Amino acid sequence: MTVPHSTNGPLLNVSDLHVRFKTDEGIILAVRGVSFELGRNVALGLVGESGCGKSVTALSIMRLVPDPPGRITGGSILWKGSDILSMPRRALPAFRGHDVAMIFQEPMTSLNPVFTIGRQLEEVIRFRYHLRGKKAADRIVTLLEMVGISDPRSRMDNFPHELSGGMMQRIMIAMALLAEPDLLIADEPTTALDVTIQAQILSLIRDLRKKNAMSLLLITHNLGVVAEMCDRIAVMYAGRIVEEARARDLFALPRHPYTHGLLQSIPRPGMDRSHPLPTIEGSVPVLTMEMKGCPFAERCFRLKQIGDRTEKCRRESPELASCGTDHRAACHYPLERGANHES
C-alpha cells in the first residue's frame, strides 16, 4: 500500500510539528513548531548545530521516533496530501521504501552485521518488486555499479565488516534507491568519512538525484555542503526553524542574526589566520524548558543595536514570517542589506 498520489501542492508539507522526549532530566522539547514545504525535484538543506532537532524532524517524517521515550505531540506531516501521522502501521513499510527512503548517519550501525550485503539488498527487492534469484541479483548489481561499487557481484557476498566506511555508505545509498523513492532523506551522510570520500558521496547523491528526478532533504551542520547541494535552506535553532530561503538568497543576505553568525564562522580563502574565526557567544538554551520570547535573544548581537526595543525580543516569540521574496525569518528585527552586521 502506498500513499494516494496528489498532483496538487507540495510533495511534503510539515506543519507545526512538536516532538518531545521523556528523560531522567525531564521532558526534552526537541522539536517546537517546525513548518516547511518540499516541492518535487527540489533539494532542501536542513542545517543547524548538534541537538537543534534536525534528525528528530527527519525521524518524524519517517514515523521512526521511538515511542517511548519520544512522542509526536502536535502538528501534521502531509505526504502528497495525506497525513503520515494518521497512516495505519501496516502501510508504513511500503511508504518508507517506495515513497520516502532515508540514509542514516552511521552505515555501520544501519547494516545487519550477520547477513551479507547481497542478502540485505535482496530483502528490499523482494519486498518492493517480488523479485528473487537471478532477476533480483541482476537488479542489485546494476544499482551497485551505479553507486560506484567495483566488482559488485563479489561484493554481494561480503559482510558489512569487510567493507570500508565509504563502501558501506554507498551500499546504504543503493539500498535507499532500490525502491526508486520520490524523496531521499540524507541525515549527515558523510559524518564518519574522510574528506575525499565525503566529496565522492555528496557528488554521487547529487548525480543520482538529478538522474532519478528525486527530491532531497539533506540534514547537516555544514553550510558549505548545502551551498553545493541544495536549492533551498532551512536553518534550525533550539527546535525551531528560524530562517528559510533559496540558497543563493540566504548566503547573499541572511536575515536572522543566528544565520548571520553561522555564515561568519565559515573559513574563507584569504582570511587572516592569525585571528580566530568569529563565534556566537553564549550557549543554546536548555530544551527542557518552555521558552518565553526569542530563543536566540540572550546570544543575539542585535540587542546592542536596537536598544529599548529588546523587551519585545525577550517577551514575544517571533513567528516565521515573510521578510522578502520567498524568504522567511523568525526575528522581530531581521537584518537588512547595508546594515551593520558586526557580531
Protein backbone atom coordinates (compact mmCIF):
# COMPACT_ATOMS: atom_id res chain seq x y z
CA MET A 1 0.00 0.00 0.00
CA THR A 2 1.31 3.46 -0.86
CA VAL A 3 0.07 6.91 -0.06
CA PRO A 4 -2.54 8.15 -2.57
CA HIS A 5 -0.94 10.37 -5.17
CA SER A 6 -1.87 14.02 -5.41
CA THR A 7 -0.50 16.26 -8.14
CA ASN A 8 -1.59 19.45 -6.36
CA GLY A 9 0.56 21.20 -3.78
CA PRO A 10 3.99 20.30 -2.41
CA LEU A 11 5.33 16.77 -2.17
CA LEU A 12 5.89 17.13 1.59
CA ASN A 13 4.26 19.60 3.96
CA VAL A 14 5.35 19.68 7.61
CA SER A 15 3.13 21.95 9.71
CA ASP A 16 3.61 23.00 13.36
CA LEU A 17 5.42 19.77 14.29
CA HIS A 18 6.08 19.20 18.00
CA VAL A 19 8.15 16.29 19.38
CA ARG A 20 9.17 15.65 22.97
CA PHE A 21 11.23 13.03 24.79
CA LYS A 22 10.87 11.82 28.37
CA THR A 23 14.28 11.56 30.06
CA ASP A 24 15.68 11.27 33.59
CA GLU A 25 16.40 15.01 33.48
CA GLY A 26 12.82 15.84 32.49
CA ILE A 27 10.86 16.41 29.29
CA ILE A 28 13.03 17.42 26.32
CA LEU A 29 11.12 19.64 23.88
CA ALA A 30 13.17 18.55 20.88
CA VAL A 31 11.05 20.00 18.06
CA ARG A 32 8.91 23.09 18.69
CA GLY A 33 6.51 24.04 15.93
CA VAL A 34 8.56 23.21 12.84
CA SER A 35 6.90 24.01 9.49
CA PHE A 36 8.26 23.74 5.95
CA GLU A 37 7.35 22.52 2.48
CA LEU A 38 9.32 20.48 -0.02
CA GLY A 39 8.41 20.51 -3.71
CA ARG A 40 9.01 17.92 -6.37
CA ASN A 41 12.59 17.53 -7.59
CA VAL A 42 13.79 20.11 -5.04
CA ALA A 43 16.77 19.77 -2.67
CA LEU A 44 16.21 21.30 0.78
CA GLY A 45 19.04 21.60 3.29
CA LEU A 46 18.11 21.47 6.97
CA VAL A 47 21.04 22.95 8.88
CA GLY A 48 21.92 23.84 12.45
CA GLU A 49 24.20 22.84 15.28
CA SER A 50 24.03 19.48 17.04
CA GLY A 51 20.92 18.99 19.16
CA CYS A 52 18.75 21.54 17.36
CA GLY A 53 16.16 18.97 16.24
CA LYS A 54 17.22 18.21 12.64
CA SER A 55 17.42 14.43 12.95
CA VAL A 56 14.29 14.21 15.09
CA THR A 57 12.41 16.10 12.37
CA ALA A 58 13.61 13.55 9.80
CA LEU A 59 12.68 10.60 12.02
CA SER A 60 9.23 12.12 12.49
CA ILE A 61 8.71 12.21 8.72
CA MET A 62 9.60 8.50 8.59
CA ARG A 63 7.44 7.73 11.67
CA LEU A 64 10.59 6.36 13.37
CA VAL A 65 10.60 8.43 16.57
CA PRO A 66 10.96 5.77 19.30
CA ASP A 67 7.82 5.77 21.48
CA PRO A 68 8.68 5.63 24.36
CA PRO A 69 10.64 7.77 25.18
CA GLY A 70 9.75 10.03 22.24
CA ARG A 71 6.34 11.24 21.18
CA ILE A 72 4.97 13.44 18.41
CA THR A 73 2.64 15.70 20.35
CA GLY A 74 1.31 18.05 17.69
CA GLY A 75 1.23 19.12 14.07
CA SER A 76 0.81 17.31 10.79
CA ILE A 77 3.08 15.80 8.13
CA LEU A 78 1.37 15.62 4.75
CA TRP A 79 2.81 13.43 2.02
CA LYS A 80 1.14 14.13 -1.33
CA GLY A 81 -1.79 15.49 0.67
CA SER A 82 -2.21 12.54 3.06
CA ASP A 83 -1.25 12.74 6.73
CA ILE A 84 1.62 10.40 7.57
CA LEU A 85 0.87 10.65 11.29
CA SER A 86 -2.54 9.03 10.84
CA MET A 87 -1.28 6.38 8.42
CA PRO A 88 -2.03 2.77 9.52
CA ARG A 89 1.07 0.93 10.72
CA ARG A 90 0.59 -1.76 8.08
CA ALA A 91 1.10 0.91 5.39
CA LEU A 92 4.37 2.24 6.83
CA PRO A 93 6.82 -0.33 5.35
CA ALA A 94 5.67 0.45 1.80
CA PHE A 95 5.69 4.18 2.47
CA ARG A 96 9.24 4.04 3.83
CA GLY A 97 10.50 2.07 0.89
CA HIS A 98 8.61 3.30 -2.13
CA ASP A 99 7.71 6.90 -1.27
CA VAL A 100 10.49 8.04 1.07
CA ALA A 101 13.89 6.47 1.81
CA MET A 102 16.47 7.54 4.37
CA ILE A 103 20.25 7.34 4.63
CA PHE A 104 21.30 7.36 8.28
CA GLN A 105 24.39 8.87 9.86
CA GLU A 106 26.31 5.69 10.65
CA PRO A 107 26.31 2.99 7.93
CA MET A 108 28.00 0.51 10.29
CA THR A 109 25.01 0.59 12.63
CA SER A 110 22.44 0.62 9.80
CA LEU A 111 23.54 -2.65 8.18
CA ASN A 112 22.96 -6.02 9.86
CA PRO A 113 26.40 -7.44 10.73
CA VAL A 114 25.35 -11.12 10.45
CA PHE A 115 23.95 -11.02 6.90
CA THR A 116 25.76 -10.49 3.62
CA ILE A 117 25.30 -7.29 1.63
CA GLY A 118 23.54 -9.23 -1.12
CA ARG A 119 21.01 -10.76 1.27
CA GLN A 120 20.16 -7.39 2.81
CA LEU A 121 19.71 -5.75 -0.58
CA GLU A 122 17.69 -8.69 -1.89
CA GLU A 123 15.29 -8.30 1.02
CA VAL A 124 14.40 -4.82 -0.23
CA ILE A 125 13.98 -6.07 -3.82
CA ARG A 126 11.82 -8.98 -2.70
CA PHE A 127 9.56 -6.75 -0.61
CA ARG A 128 9.20 -3.98 -3.19
CA TYR A 129 9.19 -5.85 -6.53
CA HIS A 130 8.69 -9.51 -5.50
CA LEU A 131 11.87 -10.47 -7.36
CA ARG A 132 14.11 -13.37 -6.38
CA GLY A 133 17.10 -15.26 -7.68
CA LYS A 134 18.88 -14.08 -10.82
CA LYS A 135 16.45 -11.23 -11.58
CA ALA A 136 16.94 -9.78 -8.10
CA ALA A 137 20.73 -10.23 -8.30
CA ASP A 138 20.93 -8.55 -11.70
CA ARG A 139 18.98 -5.54 -10.45
CA ILE A 140 21.21 -5.26 -7.37
CA VAL A 141 24.40 -5.49 -9.47
CA THR A 142 23.16 -2.72 -11.76
CA LEU A 143 22.49 -0.42 -8.83
CA LEU A 144 25.79 -1.23 -7.10
CA GLU A 145 27.58 -0.30 -10.31
CA MET A 146 25.58 2.94 -10.40
CA VAL A 147 26.80 3.92 -6.91
CA GLY A 148 30.42 3.15 -7.77
CA ILE A 149 30.96 -0.28 -6.20
CA SER A 150 33.65 -2.16 -8.10
CA ASP A 151 33.18 -5.90 -8.79
CA PRO A 152 29.60 -5.77 -7.43
CA ARG A 153 28.81 -9.50 -7.79
CA SER A 154 31.62 -10.49 -5.44
CA ARG A 155 30.77 -7.65 -3.04
CA MET A 156 27.31 -9.14 -2.59
CA ASP A 157 28.96 -12.00 -0.67
CA ASN A 158 30.74 -9.62 1.73
CA PHE A 159 29.63 -8.91 5.28
CA PRO A 160 29.50 -5.25 6.41
CA HIS A 161 32.70 -5.53 8.48
CA GLU A 162 34.61 -6.47 5.33
CA LEU A 163 33.86 -3.11 3.69
CA SER A 164 35.29 0.37 4.24
CA GLY A 165 33.16 3.20 5.60
CA GLY A 166 32.84 4.77 2.17
CA MET A 167 31.76 1.49 0.59
CA MET A 168 29.19 0.87 3.31
CA GLN A 169 27.73 4.33 2.76
CA ARG A 170 27.48 3.57 -0.96
CA ILE A 171 25.67 0.35 -0.06
CA MET A 172 23.24 2.36 2.08
CA ILE A 173 22.61 4.74 -0.83
CA ALA A 174 21.97 1.78 -3.12
CA MET A 175 19.56 0.29 -0.58
CA ALA A 176 17.70 3.60 -0.34
CA LEU A 177 17.40 3.88 -4.12
CA LEU A 178 16.36 0.27 -4.80
CA ALA A 179 12.67 1.15 -4.42
CA GLU A 180 13.00 4.33 -6.52
CA PRO A 181 11.68 6.76 -3.87
CA ASP A 182 10.29 10.20 -4.64
CA LEU A 183 12.12 11.67 -1.63
CA LEU A 184 15.55 10.80 -0.27
CA ILE A 185 16.35 11.92 3.28
CA ALA A 186 20.10 12.02 3.93
CA ASP A 187 20.96 12.56 7.61
CA GLU A 188 24.59 13.67 7.88
CA PRO A 189 25.55 11.12 5.19
CA THR A 190 29.29 11.86 5.35
CA THR A 191 29.84 12.21 9.12
CA ALA A 192 32.14 9.21 9.61
CA LEU A 193 34.05 9.54 6.33
CA ASP A 194 37.33 11.23 5.42
CA VAL A 195 37.29 14.38 3.31
CA THR A 196 38.00 12.72 -0.04
CA ILE A 197 35.28 10.10 0.42
CA GLN A 198 32.87 12.79 1.66
CA ALA A 199 33.21 14.64 -1.64
CA GLN A 200 32.62 11.43 -3.61
CA ILE A 201 29.48 10.52 -1.64
CA LEU A 202 28.00 14.01 -1.97
CA SER A 203 28.73 14.06 -5.69
CA LEU A 204 27.08 10.65 -6.00
CA ILE A 205 23.93 11.78 -4.20
CA ARG A 206 23.74 14.93 -6.32
CA ASP A 207 24.13 13.00 -9.60
CA LEU A 208 21.63 10.28 -8.64
CA ARG A 209 19.07 12.87 -7.52
CA LYS A 210 19.21 14.59 -10.88
CA LYS A 211 19.17 11.32 -12.82
CA ASN A 212 16.15 9.98 -10.92
CA ALA A 213 14.35 13.35 -10.52
CA MET A 214 14.14 12.85 -6.73
CA SER A 215 13.55 15.40 -4.05
CA LEU A 216 16.21 15.58 -1.35
CA LEU A 217 16.11 16.54 2.32
CA LEU A 218 19.76 16.92 3.35
CA ILE A 219 20.42 17.23 7.07
CA THR A 220 23.80 18.65 8.05
CA HIS A 221 25.60 21.21 10.17
CA ASN A 222 27.87 22.11 7.25
CA LEU A 223 26.74 25.20 5.36
CA GLY A 224 29.39 24.62 2.71
CA VAL A 225 27.74 21.30 1.82
CA VAL A 226 24.24 22.74 1.44
CA ALA A 227 25.62 25.58 -0.68
CA GLU A 228 26.71 22.98 -3.25
CA MET A 229 23.85 20.51 -2.88
CA CYS A 230 20.62 22.37 -2.17
CA ASP A 231 18.14 24.68 -3.86
CA ARG A 232 16.70 25.89 -0.56
CA ILE A 233 17.96 26.08 3.03
CA ALA A 234 16.09 25.96 6.33
CA VAL A 235 18.09 26.92 9.44
CA MET A 236 17.11 25.35 12.78
CA TYR A 237 17.86 26.62 16.25
CA ALA A 238 16.64 25.18 19.57
CA GLY A 239 14.00 23.01 17.95
CA ARG A 240 12.64 25.68 15.60
CA ILE A 241 13.22 26.84 12.05
CA VAL A 242 14.47 30.41 12.33
CA GLU A 243 15.09 31.12 8.64
CA GLU A 244 14.21 29.63 5.27
CA ALA A 245 15.09 30.87 1.79
CA ARG A 246 16.56 29.97 -1.56
CA ALA A 247 20.18 29.02 -1.05
CA ARG A 248 21.63 31.92 -3.03
CA ASP A 249 19.44 34.44 -1.18
CA LEU A 250 20.32 33.11 2.25
CA PHE A 251 24.04 33.29 1.56
CA ALA A 252 23.76 36.72 -0.06
CA LEU A 253 21.68 38.27 2.71
CA PRO A 254 20.92 36.26 5.87
CA ARG A 255 18.03 37.89 7.69
CA HIS A 256 18.27 36.13 11.06
CA PRO A 257 21.19 37.00 13.37
CA TYR A 258 21.83 33.30 14.06
CA THR A 259 22.20 32.51 10.36
CA HIS A 260 24.50 35.52 10.03
CA GLY A 261 26.63 34.17 12.88
CA LEU A 262 26.88 30.74 11.26
CA LEU A 263 27.97 32.22 7.94
CA GLN A 264 30.55 34.43 9.65
CA SER A 265 32.16 31.37 11.23
CA ILE A 266 32.92 29.68 7.88
CA PRO A 267 36.65 29.83 6.94
CA ARG A 268 37.24 31.69 3.68
CA PRO A 269 40.22 31.91 1.32
CA GLY A 270 42.47 34.83 2.15
CA MET A 271 41.35 35.14 5.78
CA ASP A 272 43.98 36.25 8.28
CA ARG A 273 44.90 33.00 10.04
CA SER A 274 46.39 34.92 12.95
CA HIS A 275 42.90 35.94 14.04
CA PRO A 276 40.37 33.40 15.36
CA LEU A 277 37.15 32.86 13.46
CA PRO A 278 34.14 34.83 14.75
CA THR A 279 31.96 32.83 17.14
CA ILE A 280 28.44 33.13 18.51
CA GLU A 281 28.73 33.93 22.19
CA GLY A 282 26.72 32.09 24.82
CA SER A 283 25.06 28.67 24.81
CA VAL A 284 21.99 27.04 23.30
CA PRO A 285 19.02 27.27 25.70
CA VAL A 286 18.10 24.20 27.71
CA LEU A 287 15.44 22.29 25.78
CA THR A 288 13.71 21.03 28.93
CA MET A 289 12.15 24.45 29.38
CA GLU A 290 9.28 26.24 27.70
CA MET A 291 10.80 29.39 26.22
CA LYS A 292 9.47 32.88 26.63
CA GLY A 293 10.44 35.27 23.90
CA CYS A 294 13.00 34.63 21.17
CA PRO A 295 15.17 31.57 21.95
CA PHE A 296 18.20 33.33 20.46
CA ALA A 297 17.74 36.60 22.39
CA GLU A 298 20.45 36.00 25.01
CA ARG A 299 23.07 35.38 22.29
CA CYS A 300 21.98 37.97 19.75
CA PHE A 301 24.38 40.79 18.84
CA ARG A 302 21.39 42.80 17.60
CA LEU A 303 20.29 43.55 21.17
CA LYS A 304 23.04 46.17 21.38
CA GLN A 305 21.81 47.79 18.16
CA ILE A 306 18.08 48.01 18.80
CA GLY A 307 18.31 49.47 22.29
CA ASP A 308 14.98 49.87 24.09
CA ARG A 309 13.21 47.54 21.67
CA THR A 310 14.89 44.46 23.16
CA GLU A 311 11.98 43.90 25.54
CA LYS A 312 9.89 42.58 22.67
CA CYS A 313 12.59 40.00 21.88
CA ARG A 314 12.61 38.79 25.48
CA ARG A 315 8.81 38.78 25.84
CA GLU A 316 7.35 37.65 22.49
CA SER A 317 8.28 34.59 20.47
CA PRO A 318 8.77 35.66 16.82
CA GLU A 319 6.83 33.83 14.14
CA LEU A 320 8.47 32.57 10.96
CA ALA A 321 7.27 35.39 8.70
CA SER A 322 8.00 36.75 5.25
CA CYS A 323 10.88 39.22 5.11
CA GLY A 324 11.43 39.32 1.37
CA THR A 325 10.62 37.44 -1.81
CA ASP A 326 10.41 33.74 -0.92
CA HIS A 327 12.37 34.42 2.26
CA ARG A 328 11.17 33.88 5.85
CA ALA A 329 12.78 34.59 9.22
CA ALA A 330 11.67 34.22 12.83
CA CYS A 331 13.01 37.56 14.01
CA HIS A 332 11.28 40.71 15.26
CA TYR A 333 14.03 42.86 13.71
CA PRO A 334 15.52 40.95 10.75
CA LEU A 335 18.80 42.12 9.29
CA GLU A 336 18.66 44.48 6.32
CA ARG A 337 21.06 44.95 3.44
CA GLY A 338 23.65 47.59 4.25
CA ALA A 339 23.02 47.44 8.00
CA ASN A 340 25.86 47.00 10.49
CA HIS A 341 26.16 43.23 10.95
CA GLU A 342 29.04 43.19 13.37
CA SER A 343 28.71 40.28 15.79
